[in-house]
Amino acid sequence: MNSLAHIGHAVSDMETSLKFYTELIGFRFDRELNFTNDQIQDLLVLKQPKDMRVIYLLLAGFTLELMEMDPAAVPHAGSRDFTLTGITHFSFVVDDPADIYARVEDFGGTRWSDIGIANMIRDPDGQLIELLPPTYPDSIEEQRQA
């Protein structure tokens, strides 16, 4: 059986990111692991020796792995847009997208766009996040039935 285990997300400040994803988006803490460079180097092939703190967060069956490097990762890897290859954004169904959009700056993130039916924000490290309303899963099912 194949399945998605998690998505890893390197962050520059674990405490800020932890607060952002748990208190603003609604993830819950699952577990924390700590690794020395000797434990991770062969797998990650880092250019410079680093230790790593990892916190796993859960949201509706999805696992997000926050990774903080020591010495610190390069903060804000740059602004991605939708024309670049690779993963462009995370997309979450949330109870009140407008509320999160209004409060995102209080949690170290930034507002990106608001088209009414969806909002785009950036987390404290610049990762794009799409916020969708609770009705989104039903609209997808309707599209499948059409």
N, C-alpha and C. Protein backbone atom coordinates (compact mmCIF):
# COMPACT_ATOMS: atom_id res chain seq x y z
N MET A 1 0.84 -1.18 0.00
CA MET A 1 0.00 0.00 0.00
C MET A 1 0.89 1.25 0.00
N ASN A 2 0.68 2.12 -0.93
CA ASN A 2 1.40 3.39 -1.00
C ASN A 2 0.56 4.47 -0.35
N SER A 3 1.20 5.39 0.35
CA SER A 3 0.49 6.52 0.95
C SER A 3 1.48 7.64 1.21
N LEU A 4 0.96 8.82 1.41
CA LEU A 4 1.78 9.98 1.76
C LEU A 4 2.10 9.90 3.24
N ALA A 5 3.38 9.94 3.60
CA ALA A 5 3.79 9.89 5.00
C ALA A 5 3.76 11.29 5.62
N HIS A 6 4.39 12.25 4.98
CA HIS A 6 4.42 13.63 5.47
C HIS A 6 5.08 14.51 4.41
N ILE A 7 4.99 15.81 4.62
CA ILE A 7 5.73 16.78 3.82
C ILE A 7 6.63 17.54 4.78
N GLY A 8 7.92 17.63 4.43
CA GLY A 8 8.89 18.32 5.25
C GLY A 8 8.99 19.78 4.87
N HIS A 9 9.08 20.62 5.87
CA HIS A 9 9.13 22.07 5.66
C HIS A 9 10.22 22.66 6.55
N ALA A 10 11.33 23.12 5.96
CA ALA A 10 12.41 23.74 6.72
C ALA A 10 11.98 25.12 7.17
N VAL A 11 12.19 25.40 8.45
CA VAL A 11 11.79 26.69 9.02
C VAL A 11 12.99 27.34 9.70
N SER A 12 12.96 28.67 9.80
CA SER A 12 14.09 29.39 10.40
C SER A 12 13.93 29.55 11.90
N ASP A 13 12.71 29.51 12.40
CA ASP A 13 12.46 29.67 13.84
C ASP A 13 11.33 28.73 14.24
N MET A 14 11.67 27.64 14.92
CA MET A 14 10.69 26.61 15.24
C MET A 14 9.54 27.15 16.09
N GLU A 15 9.84 27.97 17.08
CA GLU A 15 8.77 28.44 17.97
C GLU A 15 7.75 29.30 17.21
N THR A 16 8.24 30.18 16.33
CA THR A 16 7.33 31.01 15.53
C THR A 16 6.49 30.14 14.61
N SER A 17 7.11 29.18 13.93
CA SER A 17 6.38 28.32 13.01
C SER A 17 5.41 27.41 13.74
N LEU A 18 5.81 26.91 14.88
CA LEU A 18 4.93 26.05 15.68
C LEU A 18 3.68 26.82 16.09
N LYS A 19 3.85 28.04 16.55
CA LYS A 19 2.70 28.88 16.93
C LYS A 19 1.82 29.16 15.72
N PHE A 20 2.44 29.48 14.57
CA PHE A 20 1.70 29.78 13.35
C PHE A 20 0.82 28.59 12.95
N TYR A 21 1.43 27.41 12.87
CA TYR A 21 0.69 26.25 12.36
C TYR A 21 -0.29 25.67 13.38
N THR A 22 -0.01 25.78 14.67
CA THR A 22 -0.95 25.23 15.66
C THR A 22 -2.04 26.23 16.03
N GLU A 23 -1.64 27.44 16.42
CA GLU A 23 -2.62 28.40 16.91
C GLU A 23 -3.41 29.09 15.81
N LEU A 24 -2.82 29.29 14.65
CA LEU A 24 -3.52 29.98 13.56
C LEU A 24 -4.21 29.00 12.61
N ILE A 25 -3.49 28.01 12.13
CA ILE A 25 -4.04 27.09 11.13
C ILE A 25 -4.83 25.95 11.77
N GLY A 26 -4.44 25.51 12.96
CA GLY A 26 -5.20 24.47 13.64
C GLY A 26 -4.57 23.10 13.70
N PHE A 27 -3.28 22.99 13.33
CA PHE A 27 -2.58 21.72 13.48
C PHE A 27 -2.46 21.39 14.96
N ARG A 28 -2.26 20.10 15.26
CA ARG A 28 -1.96 19.71 16.63
C ARG A 28 -0.60 19.02 16.67
N PHE A 29 0.10 19.21 17.76
CA PHE A 29 1.42 18.64 17.98
C PHE A 29 1.31 17.12 18.01
N ASP A 30 2.23 16.43 17.32
CA ASP A 30 2.28 14.97 17.36
C ASP A 30 3.50 14.48 18.13
N ARG A 31 4.70 14.89 17.67
CA ARG A 31 5.91 14.42 18.34
C ARG A 31 7.10 15.29 17.92
N GLU A 32 8.17 15.18 18.71
CA GLU A 32 9.40 15.91 18.43
C GLU A 32 10.57 14.94 18.43
N LEU A 33 11.49 15.14 17.48
CA LEU A 33 12.72 14.35 17.39
C LEU A 33 13.89 15.30 17.20
N ASN A 34 15.06 14.87 17.67
CA ASN A 34 16.27 15.65 17.49
C ASN A 34 17.35 14.75 16.91
N PHE A 35 18.08 15.27 15.92
CA PHE A 35 19.10 14.49 15.23
C PHE A 35 20.42 15.25 15.20
N THR A 36 21.51 14.53 15.33
CA THR A 36 22.83 15.13 15.13
C THR A 36 23.18 15.02 13.65
N ASN A 37 24.15 15.79 13.24
CA ASN A 37 24.60 15.73 11.85
C ASN A 37 25.00 14.30 11.47
N ASP A 38 25.67 13.60 12.36
CA ASP A 38 26.09 12.22 12.07
C ASP A 38 24.90 11.32 11.76
N GLN A 39 23.75 11.58 12.35
CA GLN A 39 22.57 10.75 12.13
C GLN A 39 21.87 11.07 10.81
N ILE A 40 21.99 12.29 10.31
CA ILE A 40 21.20 12.70 9.14
C ILE A 40 22.01 12.94 7.87
N GLN A 41 23.32 13.08 7.98
CA GLN A 41 24.13 13.47 6.84
C GLN A 41 24.00 12.52 5.65
N ASP A 42 24.05 11.22 5.88
CA ASP A 42 24.00 10.27 4.77
C ASP A 42 22.67 10.33 4.02
N LEU A 43 21.58 10.61 4.74
CA LEU A 43 20.27 10.70 4.10
C LEU A 43 20.06 12.06 3.42
N LEU A 44 20.38 13.14 4.13
CA LEU A 44 20.07 14.48 3.63
C LEU A 44 21.15 15.10 2.77
N VAL A 45 22.38 14.60 2.85
CA VAL A 45 23.52 15.09 2.07
C VAL A 45 23.61 16.62 2.17
N LEU A 46 23.78 17.09 3.40
CA LEU A 46 23.87 18.53 3.66
C LEU A 46 25.22 19.07 3.22
N LYS A 47 25.25 20.29 2.69
CA LYS A 47 26.49 20.92 2.25
C LYS A 47 27.35 21.33 3.43
N GLN A 48 26.72 21.67 4.53
CA GLN A 48 27.43 22.05 5.75
C GLN A 48 26.88 21.21 6.90
N PRO A 49 27.71 20.80 7.84
CA PRO A 49 27.23 20.00 8.97
C PRO A 49 26.17 20.76 9.78
N LYS A 50 25.08 20.07 10.06
CA LYS A 50 23.99 20.68 10.83
C LYS A 50 23.31 19.61 11.66
N ASP A 51 22.86 20.00 12.83
CA ASP A 51 21.95 19.18 13.62
C ASP A 51 20.54 19.62 13.24
N MET A 52 19.54 18.81 13.61
CA MET A 52 18.19 19.14 13.19
C MET A 52 17.18 18.79 14.28
N ARG A 53 16.30 19.73 14.54
CA ARG A 53 15.15 19.52 15.42
C ARG A 53 13.94 19.37 14.52
N VAL A 54 13.13 18.35 14.77
CA VAL A 54 11.97 18.06 13.94
C VAL A 54 10.73 17.98 14.81
N ILE A 55 9.67 18.66 14.40
CA ILE A 55 8.37 18.55 15.06
C ILE A 55 7.35 18.16 14.01
N TYR A 56 6.61 17.11 14.31
CA TYR A 56 5.54 16.64 13.44
C TYR A 56 4.21 17.19 13.94
N LEU A 57 3.43 17.74 13.02
CA LEU A 57 2.12 18.30 13.32
C LEU A 57 1.06 17.58 12.50
N LEU A 58 -0.14 17.44 13.05
CA LEU A 58 -1.23 16.72 12.38
C LEU A 58 -2.41 17.65 12.14
N LEU A 59 -3.04 17.46 10.97
CA LEU A 59 -4.28 18.17 10.63
C LEU A 59 -5.10 17.27 9.73
N ALA A 60 -6.20 16.75 10.24
CA ALA A 60 -7.15 15.95 9.45
C ALA A 60 -6.46 14.85 8.64
N GLY A 61 -5.60 14.09 9.29
CA GLY A 61 -4.93 12.98 8.62
C GLY A 61 -3.68 13.36 7.84
N PHE A 62 -3.34 14.62 7.79
CA PHE A 62 -2.15 15.10 7.08
C PHE A 62 -1.06 15.40 8.10
N THR A 63 0.18 15.02 7.79
CA THR A 63 1.31 15.29 8.68
C THR A 63 2.27 16.27 8.03
N LEU A 64 2.56 17.35 8.75
CA LEU A 64 3.53 18.35 8.33
C LEU A 64 4.74 18.22 9.24
N GLU A 65 5.91 18.07 8.65
CA GLU A 65 7.16 17.95 9.40
C GLU A 65 7.88 19.29 9.34
N LEU A 66 7.96 19.97 10.48
CA LEU A 66 8.73 21.21 10.58
C LEU A 66 10.15 20.84 10.96
N MET A 67 11.13 21.38 10.22
CA MET A 67 12.53 21.05 10.43
C MET A 67 13.32 22.34 10.68
N GLU A 68 13.98 22.39 11.83
CA GLU A 68 14.82 23.55 12.16
C GLU A 68 16.26 23.08 12.24
N MET A 69 17.13 23.71 11.47
CA MET A 69 18.54 23.34 11.40
C MET A 69 19.36 24.13 12.42
N ASP A 70 20.45 23.53 12.87
CA ASP A 70 21.38 24.20 13.78
C ASP A 70 22.79 23.89 13.30
N PRO A 71 23.55 24.87 12.79
CA PRO A 71 23.19 26.28 12.67
C PRO A 71 21.97 26.48 11.78
N ALA A 72 21.34 27.63 11.95
CA ALA A 72 20.05 27.93 11.33
C ALA A 72 20.08 27.82 9.81
N ALA A 73 18.93 27.46 9.27
CA ALA A 73 18.72 27.44 7.82
C ALA A 73 18.70 28.88 7.31
N VAL A 74 18.85 29.05 6.02
CA VAL A 74 18.74 30.37 5.41
C VAL A 74 17.29 30.83 5.56
N PRO A 75 17.06 31.96 6.24
CA PRO A 75 15.68 32.41 6.39
C PRO A 75 15.08 32.81 5.05
N HIS A 76 13.84 32.56 4.90
CA HIS A 76 13.04 32.94 3.72
C HIS A 76 13.77 32.67 2.42
N ALA A 77 13.57 31.50 1.92
CA ALA A 77 14.28 31.03 0.73
C ALA A 77 13.97 31.86 -0.51
N GLY A 78 13.09 32.81 -0.42
CA GLY A 78 12.76 33.64 -1.57
C GLY A 78 11.30 33.49 -1.92
N SER A 79 10.81 34.39 -2.68
CA SER A 79 9.41 34.36 -3.06
C SER A 79 9.19 33.42 -4.23
N ARG A 80 8.38 32.41 -3.99
CA ARG A 80 8.00 31.49 -5.06
C ARG A 80 6.73 32.01 -5.71
N ASP A 81 6.59 31.76 -6.98
CA ASP A 81 5.31 32.01 -7.61
C ASP A 81 4.90 30.76 -8.36
N PHE A 82 3.75 30.80 -8.94
CA PHE A 82 3.17 29.61 -9.53
C PHE A 82 3.77 29.23 -10.89
N THR A 83 4.74 30.00 -11.37
CA THR A 83 5.38 29.65 -12.63
C THR A 83 6.64 28.81 -12.43
N LEU A 84 7.08 28.67 -11.16
CA LEU A 84 8.27 27.88 -10.86
C LEU A 84 7.91 26.41 -10.69
N THR A 85 8.79 25.53 -11.11
CA THR A 85 8.54 24.11 -10.91
C THR A 85 8.70 23.76 -9.44
N GLY A 86 8.14 22.64 -9.06
CA GLY A 86 8.19 22.20 -7.67
C GLY A 86 6.88 22.51 -6.96
N ILE A 87 6.86 22.20 -5.69
CA ILE A 87 5.64 22.44 -4.90
C ILE A 87 5.45 23.94 -4.75
N THR A 88 4.30 24.43 -5.17
CA THR A 88 4.04 25.87 -5.12
C THR A 88 3.40 26.31 -3.82
N HIS A 89 2.53 25.47 -3.24
CA HIS A 89 1.80 25.92 -2.06
C HIS A 89 1.21 24.73 -1.30
N PHE A 90 0.84 25.01 -0.05
CA PHE A 90 0.01 24.10 0.73
C PHE A 90 -1.41 24.64 0.62
N SER A 91 -2.39 23.75 0.67
CA SER A 91 -3.78 24.18 0.61
C SER A 91 -4.54 23.52 1.76
N PHE A 92 -5.18 24.33 2.59
CA PHE A 92 -5.88 23.82 3.76
C PHE A 92 -7.33 24.27 3.77
N VAL A 93 -8.23 23.35 4.10
CA VAL A 93 -9.62 23.69 4.38
C VAL A 93 -9.67 24.10 5.84
N VAL A 94 -10.18 25.30 6.11
CA VAL A 94 -10.23 25.83 7.47
C VAL A 94 -11.64 26.36 7.75
N ASP A 95 -11.98 26.43 9.03
CA ASP A 95 -13.32 26.86 9.42
C ASP A 95 -13.65 28.27 8.97
N ASP A 96 -12.68 29.18 9.07
CA ASP A 96 -12.95 30.58 8.76
C ASP A 96 -11.73 31.22 8.06
N PRO A 97 -11.64 31.05 6.74
CA PRO A 97 -10.49 31.60 6.01
C PRO A 97 -10.32 33.11 6.21
N ALA A 98 -11.41 33.85 6.25
CA ALA A 98 -11.31 35.31 6.39
C ALA A 98 -10.70 35.68 7.74
N ASP A 99 -11.05 34.94 8.79
CA ASP A 99 -10.49 35.21 10.11
C ASP A 99 -8.98 34.96 10.12
N ILE A 100 -8.55 33.85 9.54
CA ILE A 100 -7.11 33.56 9.47
C ILE A 100 -6.40 34.62 8.64
N TYR A 101 -6.99 34.99 7.52
CA TYR A 101 -6.40 36.01 6.65
C TYR A 101 -6.23 37.33 7.42
N ALA A 102 -7.22 37.67 8.24
CA ALA A 102 -7.16 38.92 9.00
C ALA A 102 -6.10 38.87 10.10
N ARG A 103 -5.83 37.69 10.66
CA ARG A 103 -4.93 37.57 11.80
C ARG A 103 -3.53 37.08 11.45
N VAL A 104 -3.27 36.75 10.20
CA VAL A 104 -2.01 36.11 9.82
C VAL A 104 -0.78 36.92 10.22
N GLU A 105 -0.84 38.22 10.15
CA GLU A 105 0.32 39.04 10.48
C GLU A 105 0.65 38.99 11.98
N ASP A 106 -0.36 38.72 12.82
CA ASP A 106 -0.13 38.56 14.26
C ASP A 106 0.69 37.31 14.57
N PHE A 107 0.79 36.39 13.61
CA PHE A 107 1.51 35.13 13.80
C PHE A 107 2.78 35.06 12.94
N GLY A 108 3.22 36.20 12.43
CA GLY A 108 4.47 36.27 11.68
C GLY A 108 4.35 36.02 10.20
N GLY A 109 3.13 35.80 9.70
CA GLY A 109 2.92 35.57 8.27
C GLY A 109 2.52 36.86 7.56
N THR A 110 2.21 36.74 6.28
CA THR A 110 1.78 37.90 5.50
C THR A 110 0.58 37.53 4.64
N ARG A 111 -0.20 38.53 4.32
CA ARG A 111 -1.33 38.37 3.39
C ARG A 111 -0.79 38.40 1.97
N TRP A 112 -1.37 37.57 1.11
CA TRP A 112 -0.93 37.53 -0.29
C TRP A 112 -2.06 37.96 -1.21
N SER A 113 -3.22 37.28 -1.15
CA SER A 113 -4.35 37.66 -2.00
C SER A 113 -5.65 37.14 -1.38
N ASP A 114 -6.73 37.80 -1.75
CA ASP A 114 -8.06 37.44 -1.26
C ASP A 114 -9.04 37.61 -2.41
N ILE A 115 -9.61 36.48 -2.87
CA ILE A 115 -10.59 36.57 -3.95
C ILE A 115 -11.99 36.18 -3.48
N GLY A 116 -12.18 36.16 -2.17
CA GLY A 116 -13.49 35.84 -1.62
C GLY A 116 -13.70 34.36 -1.39
N ILE A 117 -13.54 33.54 -2.42
CA ILE A 117 -13.74 32.10 -2.26
C ILE A 117 -12.47 31.40 -1.81
N ALA A 118 -11.35 32.09 -1.83
CA ALA A 118 -10.07 31.55 -1.36
C ALA A 118 -9.15 32.70 -0.99
N ASN A 119 -8.24 32.41 -0.09
CA ASN A 119 -7.24 33.39 0.33
C ASN A 119 -5.87 32.75 0.20
N MET A 120 -4.88 33.57 -0.09
CA MET A 120 -3.49 33.11 -0.09
C MET A 120 -2.73 33.92 0.95
N ILE A 121 -1.95 33.20 1.76
CA ILE A 121 -1.09 33.83 2.76
C ILE A 121 0.30 33.22 2.64
N ARG A 122 1.26 33.84 3.32
CA ARG A 122 2.60 33.27 3.44
C ARG A 122 2.87 33.02 4.91
N ASP A 123 3.51 31.89 5.21
CA ASP A 123 3.89 31.60 6.58
C ASP A 123 5.11 32.44 6.95
N PRO A 124 5.62 32.35 8.18
CA PRO A 124 6.75 33.20 8.57
C PRO A 124 8.01 33.03 7.72
N ASP A 125 8.15 31.91 7.02
CA ASP A 125 9.32 31.71 6.16
C ASP A 125 8.99 31.92 4.68
N GLY A 126 7.79 32.40 4.37
CA GLY A 126 7.44 32.72 3.00
C GLY A 126 6.71 31.64 2.23
N GLN A 127 6.43 30.50 2.85
CA GLN A 127 5.72 29.42 2.17
C GLN A 127 4.30 29.86 1.86
N LEU A 128 3.89 29.73 0.60
CA LEU A 128 2.52 30.08 0.22
C LEU A 128 1.54 29.05 0.75
N ILE A 129 0.41 29.54 1.28
CA ILE A 129 -0.65 28.69 1.82
C ILE A 129 -1.98 29.20 1.29
N GLU A 130 -2.75 28.29 0.70
CA GLU A 130 -4.10 28.61 0.25
C GLU A 130 -5.08 28.22 1.34
N LEU A 131 -6.00 29.12 1.66
CA LEU A 131 -7.04 28.86 2.66
C LEU A 131 -8.37 28.69 1.94
N LEU A 132 -9.01 27.54 2.16
CA LEU A 132 -10.28 27.24 1.53
C LEU A 132 -11.36 27.06 2.58
N PRO A 133 -12.62 27.39 2.24
CA PRO A 133 -13.71 27.29 3.22
C PRO A 133 -14.16 25.85 3.44
N PRO A 134 -14.92 25.60 4.51
CA PRO A 134 -15.40 24.25 4.81
C PRO A 134 -16.26 23.64 3.70
N THR A 135 -16.81 24.47 2.82
CA THR A 135 -17.65 23.97 1.72
C THR A 135 -16.83 23.40 0.57
N TYR A 136 -15.51 23.61 0.60
CA TYR A 136 -14.66 23.17 -0.51
C TYR A 136 -14.78 21.67 -0.81
N PRO A 137 -14.71 20.77 0.17
CA PRO A 137 -14.84 19.33 -0.17
C PRO A 137 -16.14 18.99 -0.89
N ASP A 138 -17.25 19.63 -0.50
CA ASP A 138 -18.53 19.38 -1.18
C ASP A 138 -18.49 19.86 -2.62
N SER A 139 -17.84 20.99 -2.87
CA SER A 139 -17.77 21.51 -4.25
C SER A 139 -16.94 20.58 -5.13
N ILE A 140 -15.91 19.98 -4.57
CA ILE A 140 -15.11 19.00 -5.35
C ILE A 140 -15.95 17.78 -5.68
N GLU A 141 -16.71 17.31 -4.71
CA GLU A 141 -17.58 16.15 -4.95
C GLU A 141 -18.61 16.46 -6.03
N GLU A 142 -19.16 17.65 -6.01
CA GLU A 142 -20.11 18.06 -7.05
C GLU A 142 -19.46 18.06 -8.43
N GLN A 143 -18.21 18.53 -8.52
CA GLN A 143 -17.49 18.52 -9.78
C GLN A 143 -17.27 17.09 -10.28
N ARG A 144 -16.98 16.17 -9.37
CA ARG A 144 -16.77 14.78 -9.75
C ARG A 144 -18.04 14.14 -10.26
N GLN A 145 -19.16 14.55 -9.71
CA GLN A 145 -20.46 13.97 -10.09
C GLN A 145 -20.97 14.52 -11.42
N ALA A 146 -20.46 15.70 -11.80
CA ALA A 146 -20.96 16.37 -13.01
C ALA A 146 -20.48 15.69 -14.27
